[in-house]
Every structure is written in structure tokens, then in C-alpha cells.
Amino acid sequence: MTTLAASGALGHLGTGGVALAVVVALVLGVRGNGRVKLTGSPAAYTGFIAATAASAAGSTWARPEQVVGDGLSGLGVGQGPGGPFGDVGLGAVALLLVVVFLFASVTPAFGAVLGVIAGFVFPATGEGAIWSLPSDVIASFLSSWGG
């Protein structure tokens, strides 16, 4: 299979380069001072793509993933029935993120944060979980660009 990265159309991007470009687009789009202003939903989708790209890039890009994981652990997620909210798994957190996205008033900044958190939580729900499907598709697409 020939990828865009292999064809040379964009030159060598690398996973870190793709992550950098998407994160910059997210920040500038949420600020909205330029030609493109992201509203709530597009900011959430862009945040999700940025988180997926960051996970694929690893290295320094993995720091937000670690912060999200530490925050969820602090809230008792995955601690079984002894957790502060009872038995709350990552699937429940993924469902909660979708509920908040659908029912809350989502500003661009809040949408971006929701998308980034979802981008780290969804794939962590495990292979075969419906939540990991969007991350798998986006990661596959980004790898064809980033090489």
C-alpha cells in the first residue's frame, strides 16, 4: 500500500510532525483570530484527532495522556467496587464523555478539552470495545500521512 508519506507529496511528516500540526490547528482554531474559527463540535473532533496523533507520536506528546490517566485514577476509575463512585470503568468514562458532549453547551475551548480527553480515554477502553473504533480509524488514517 502506498501512503501519502511514501509518495513524497507532502515530504516526510513523521508522527510528531502530524501531532504538532494538528495541535497548532486546534489552538489557533479555538482562539479564532485567524481565517478559521472552530466552534464547539469541530473543536472537539479536532481535539480528538490531536490526542490520537499525540498518542501515536509518543515521547513528549504522551504527557497529556499520562495526566488524563492520573486524573482518572485520582477519581477512582478502575478501582472496582471500592472506588469513591463505586465500580466505574473506562467504558463508563467514555460514555460519560459522549453524554456531556451531546447534552452540555459546548464552547470551543470546552469542546477541545473534551475531544482531547476522549482521544486518550477511548482507545484505553480496550481492543474490541466500540469506543476504540474511532481512535483506530483515525490512527490508521494519520499513520498513512505521517509514515
C-alpha atoms as a PDB file:
ATOM      1  CA  MET A   1       0.000   0.000   0.000  1.00  0.00           C
ATOM      2  CA  THR A   2       1.388   3.399  -0.943  1.00  0.00           C
ATOM      3  CA  THR A   3       0.911   6.076   1.664  1.00  0.00           C
ATOM      4  CA  LEU A   4       0.953   9.823   1.161  1.00  0.00           C
ATOM      5  CA  ALA A   5       4.149   9.961   3.188  1.00  0.00           C
ATOM      6  CA  ALA A   6       5.802   7.349   0.972  1.00  0.00           C
ATOM      7  CA  SER A   7       4.720   9.075  -2.222  1.00  0.00           C
ATOM      8  CA  GLY A   8       6.595  12.241  -1.306  1.00  0.00           C
ATOM      9  CA  ALA A   9       3.625  14.517  -1.988  1.00  0.00           C
ATOM     10  CA  LEU A  10       3.997  16.144   1.409  1.00  0.00           C
ATOM     11  CA  GLY A  11       7.561  15.163   2.147  1.00  0.00           C
ATOM     12  CA  HIS A  12       8.365  13.309   5.359  1.00  0.00           C
ATOM     13  CA  LEU A  13       5.931  14.400   8.067  1.00  0.00           C
ATOM     14  CA  GLY A  14       6.562  11.908  10.852  1.00  0.00           C
ATOM     15  CA  THR A  15       4.078  11.189  13.618  1.00  0.00           C
ATOM     16  CA  GLY A  16       5.479  14.010  15.745  1.00  0.00           C
ATOM     17  CA  GLY A  17       5.110  16.428  12.839  1.00  0.00           C
ATOM     18  CA  VAL A  18       1.491  15.419  12.276  1.00  0.00           C
ATOM     19  CA  ALA A  19       0.794  15.806  16.004  1.00  0.00           C
ATOM     20  CA  LEU A  20       2.419  19.249  16.008  1.00  0.00           C
ATOM     21  CA  ALA A  21       0.393  20.418  13.001  1.00  0.00           C
ATOM     22  CA  VAL A  22      -2.929  19.208  14.427  1.00  0.00           C
ATOM     23  CA  VAL A  23      -2.254  20.677  17.889  1.00  0.00           C
ATOM     24  CA  VAL A  24      -1.342  24.051  16.368  1.00  0.00           C
ATOM     25  CA  ALA A  25      -4.512  23.936  14.233  1.00  0.00           C
ATOM     26  CA  LEU A  26      -6.534  23.169  17.374  1.00  0.00           C
ATOM     27  CA  VAL A  27      -5.039  26.013  19.407  1.00  0.00           C
ATOM     28  CA  LEU A  28      -5.326  28.578  16.616  1.00  0.00           C
ATOM     29  CA  GLY A  29      -8.819  27.391  15.686  1.00  0.00           C
ATOM     30  CA  VAL A  30     -10.088  27.677  19.256  1.00  0.00           C
ATOM     31  CA  ARG A  31      -8.568  31.139  19.604  1.00  0.00           C
ATOM     32  CA  GLY A  32     -10.282  32.018  16.336  1.00  0.00           C
ATOM     33  CA  ASN A  33      -8.230  35.095  15.479  1.00  0.00           C
ATOM     34  CA  GLY A  34      -7.322  33.827  12.011  1.00  0.00           C
ATOM     35  CA  ARG A  35      -9.241  32.638   8.991  1.00  0.00           C
ATOM     36  CA  VAL A  36     -10.671  29.545  10.672  1.00  0.00           C
ATOM     37  CA  LYS A  37     -12.593  29.652  13.942  1.00  0.00           C
ATOM     38  CA  LEU A  38     -13.557  26.309  15.418  1.00  0.00           C
ATOM     39  CA  THR A  39     -16.935  26.103  17.115  1.00  0.00           C
ATOM     40  CA  GLY A  40     -17.746  23.578  19.872  1.00  0.00           C
ATOM     41  CA  SER A  41     -18.234  20.370  17.876  1.00  0.00           C
ATOM     42  CA  PRO A  42     -15.413  20.849  15.340  1.00  0.00           C
ATOM     43  CA  ALA A  43     -13.097  21.789  18.223  1.00  0.00           C
ATOM     44  CA  ALA A  44     -13.989  18.513  19.967  1.00  0.00           C
ATOM     45  CA  TYR A  45     -13.323  16.493  16.813  1.00  0.00           C
ATOM     46  CA  THR A  46     -10.029  18.292  16.213  1.00  0.00           C
ATOM     47  CA  GLY A  47      -9.072  17.721  19.858  1.00  0.00           C
ATOM     48  CA  PHE A  48      -9.807  14.011  19.449  1.00  0.00           C
ATOM     49  CA  ILE A  49      -7.606  13.863  16.340  1.00  0.00           C
ATOM     50  CA  ALA A  50      -4.866  15.810  18.149  1.00  0.00           C
ATOM     51  CA  ALA A  51      -4.925  13.380  21.082  1.00  0.00           C
ATOM     52  CA  THR A  52      -4.799  10.392  18.755  1.00  0.00           C
ATOM     53  CA  ALA A  53      -1.862  11.909  16.867  1.00  0.00           C
ATOM     54  CA  ALA A  54      -0.100  12.674  20.160  1.00  0.00           C
ATOM     55  CA  SER A  55      -0.551   9.087  21.348  1.00  0.00           C
ATOM     56  CA  ALA A  56       0.913   7.779  18.103  1.00  0.00           C
ATOM     57  CA  ALA A  57       3.867  10.171  18.329  1.00  0.00           C
ATOM     58  CA  GLY A  58       4.774   9.181  21.900  1.00  0.00           C
ATOM     59  CA  SER A  59       7.732  10.902  23.566  1.00  0.00           C
ATOM     60  CA  THR A  60       6.822  14.368  24.866  1.00  0.00           C
ATOM     61  CA  TRP A  61       3.430  14.075  23.203  1.00  0.00           C
ATOM     62  CA  ALA A  62       2.445  11.309  25.638  1.00  0.00           C
ATOM     63  CA  ARG A  63       2.482  13.657  28.657  1.00  0.00           C
ATOM     64  CA  PRO A  64      -1.188  14.738  28.328  1.00  0.00           C
ATOM     65  CA  GLU A  65      -2.175  11.067  28.118  1.00  0.00           C
ATOM     66  CA  GLN A  66      -0.380  10.468  31.409  1.00  0.00           C
ATOM     67  CA  VAL A  67      -2.105  13.475  33.024  1.00  0.00           C
ATOM     68  CA  VAL A  68      -5.538  12.222  31.913  1.00  0.00           C
ATOM     69  CA  GLY A  69      -4.729   8.741  33.240  1.00  0.00           C
ATOM     70  CA  ASP A  70      -3.554  10.113  36.573  1.00  0.00           C
ATOM     71  CA  GLY A  71      -6.674  12.269  36.848  1.00  0.00           C
ATOM     72  CA  LEU A  72      -8.968   9.324  36.172  1.00  0.00           C
ATOM     73  CA  SER A  73      -7.103   7.208  38.726  1.00  0.00           C
ATOM     74  CA  GLY A  74      -7.498  10.019  41.236  1.00  0.00           C
ATOM     75  CA  LEU A  75     -11.252   9.940  40.662  1.00  0.00           C
ATOM     76  CA  GLY A  76     -11.304   6.219  41.382  1.00  0.00           C
ATOM     77  CA  VAL A  77     -11.800   4.953  37.833  1.00  0.00           C
ATOM     78  CA  GLY A  78     -10.845   1.305  37.543  1.00  0.00           C
ATOM     79  CA  GLN A  79     -10.621   0.699  41.290  1.00  0.00           C
ATOM     80  CA  GLY A  80     -13.540  -1.718  41.345  1.00  0.00           C
ATOM     81  CA  PRO A  81     -16.446  -1.552  43.786  1.00  0.00           C
ATOM     82  CA  GLY A  82     -14.249   0.144  46.404  1.00  0.00           C
ATOM     83  CA  GLY A  83     -13.859   3.338  44.339  1.00  0.00           C
ATOM     84  CA  PRO A  84     -15.454   6.594  45.510  1.00  0.00           C
ATOM     85  CA  PHE A  85     -18.199   6.325  42.847  1.00  0.00           C
ATOM     86  CA  GLY A  86     -18.490   2.554  43.004  1.00  0.00           C
ATOM     87  CA  ASP A  87     -17.264   0.402  40.120  1.00  0.00           C
ATOM     88  CA  VAL A  88     -16.527   2.888  37.322  1.00  0.00           C
ATOM     89  CA  GLY A  89     -14.602   1.564  34.331  1.00  0.00           C
ATOM     90  CA  LEU A  90     -13.138   3.316  31.320  1.00  0.00           C
ATOM     91  CA  GLY A  91     -16.167   2.336  29.230  1.00  0.00           C
ATOM     92  CA  ALA A  92     -18.333   4.340  31.613  1.00  0.00           C
ATOM     93  CA  VAL A  93     -15.980   7.311  31.312  1.00  0.00           C
ATOM     94  CA  ALA A  94     -16.191   7.092  27.505  1.00  0.00           C
ATOM     95  CA  LEU A  95     -19.996   7.007  27.723  1.00  0.00           C
ATOM     96  CA  LEU A  96     -19.943   9.971  30.121  1.00  0.00           C
ATOM     97  CA  LEU A  97     -17.822  11.989  27.670  1.00  0.00           C
ATOM     98  CA  VAL A  98     -20.328  11.312  24.880  1.00  0.00           C
ATOM     99  CA  VAL A  99     -23.240  12.284  27.155  1.00  0.00           C
ATOM    100  CA  VAL A 100     -21.537  15.542  28.150  1.00  0.00           C
ATOM    101  CA  PHE A 101     -20.736  16.300  24.512  1.00  0.00           C
ATOM    102  CA  LEU A 102     -24.326  15.680  23.422  1.00  0.00           C
ATOM    103  CA  PHE A 103     -26.172  17.349  26.296  1.00  0.00           C
ATOM    104  CA  ALA A 104     -23.907  20.170  27.526  1.00  0.00           C
ATOM    105  CA  SER A 105     -23.415  23.548  25.947  1.00  0.00           C
ATOM    106  CA  VAL A 106     -20.017  23.089  24.322  1.00  0.00           C
ATOM    107  CA  THR A 107     -17.819  26.143  23.798  1.00  0.00           C
ATOM    108  CA  PRO A 108     -14.792  25.794  21.523  1.00  0.00           C
ATOM    109  CA  ALA A 109     -12.344  25.536  24.450  1.00  0.00           C
ATOM    110  CA  PHE A 110     -14.538  23.052  26.355  1.00  0.00           C
ATOM    111  CA  GLY A 111     -15.063  21.053  23.154  1.00  0.00           C
ATOM    112  CA  ALA A 112     -11.310  20.914  22.571  1.00  0.00           C
ATOM    113  CA  VAL A 113     -10.700  19.652  26.119  1.00  0.00           C
ATOM    114  CA  LEU A 114     -13.490  17.069  25.784  1.00  0.00           C
ATOM    115  CA  GLY A 115     -12.058  15.873  22.483  1.00  0.00           C
ATOM    116  CA  VAL A 116      -8.531  15.575  23.840  1.00  0.00           C
ATOM    117  CA  ILE A 117      -9.696  13.618  26.891  1.00  0.00           C
ATOM    118  CA  ALA A 118     -11.828  11.355  24.676  1.00  0.00           C
ATOM    119  CA  GLY A 119      -8.841  10.839  22.379  1.00  0.00           C
ATOM    120  CA  PHE A 120      -6.937   9.292  25.293  1.00  0.00           C
ATOM    121  CA  VAL A 121      -9.835   7.508  27.017  1.00  0.00           C
ATOM    122  CA  PHE A 122     -11.495   5.842  24.019  1.00  0.00           C
ATOM    123  CA  PRO A 123      -8.515   3.697  22.938  1.00  0.00           C
ATOM    124  CA  ALA A 124      -7.773   2.816  26.576  1.00  0.00           C
ATOM    125  CA  THR A 125     -11.159   1.057  26.845  1.00  0.00           C
ATOM    126  CA  GLY A 126      -9.531  -1.899  25.132  1.00  0.00           C
ATOM    127  CA  GLU A 127      -9.442  -3.673  21.822  1.00  0.00           C
ATOM    128  CA  GLY A 128     -12.887  -4.785  20.737  1.00  0.00           C
ATOM    129  CA  ALA A 129     -14.691  -2.039  22.654  1.00  0.00           C
ATOM    130  CA  ILE A 130     -16.862   0.149  20.458  1.00  0.00           C
ATOM    131  CA  TRP A 131     -15.157   3.223  21.922  1.00  0.00           C
ATOM    132  CA  SER A 132     -11.769   2.272  20.491  1.00  0.00           C
ATOM    133  CA  LEU A 133     -13.069   2.140  16.910  1.00  0.00           C
ATOM    134  CA  PRO A 134     -12.877   5.919  16.189  1.00  0.00           C
ATOM    135  CA  SER A 135      -9.323   6.030  17.554  1.00  0.00           C
ATOM    136  CA  ASP A 136      -8.290   3.036  15.463  1.00  0.00           C
ATOM    137  CA  VAL A 137      -9.691   4.586  12.285  1.00  0.00           C
ATOM    138  CA  ILE A 138      -8.093   7.983  12.925  1.00  0.00           C
ATOM    139  CA  ALA A 139      -4.745   6.436  13.938  1.00  0.00           C
ATOM    140  CA  SER A 140      -4.751   4.393  10.728  1.00  0.00           C
ATOM    141  CA  PHE A 141      -5.502   7.493   8.653  1.00  0.00           C
ATOM    142  CA  LEU A 142      -2.838   9.563  10.436  1.00  0.00           C
ATOM    143  CA  SER A 143      -0.224   6.851  10.023  1.00  0.00           C
ATOM    144  CA  SER A 144      -0.822   6.932   6.279  1.00  0.00           C
ATOM    145  CA  TRP A 145       0.027  10.647   6.383  1.00  0.00           C
ATOM    146  CA  GLY A 146       2.788  10.609   8.967  1.00  0.00           C
ATOM    147  CA  GLY A 147       4.578   7.456   7.995  1.00  0.00           C
END
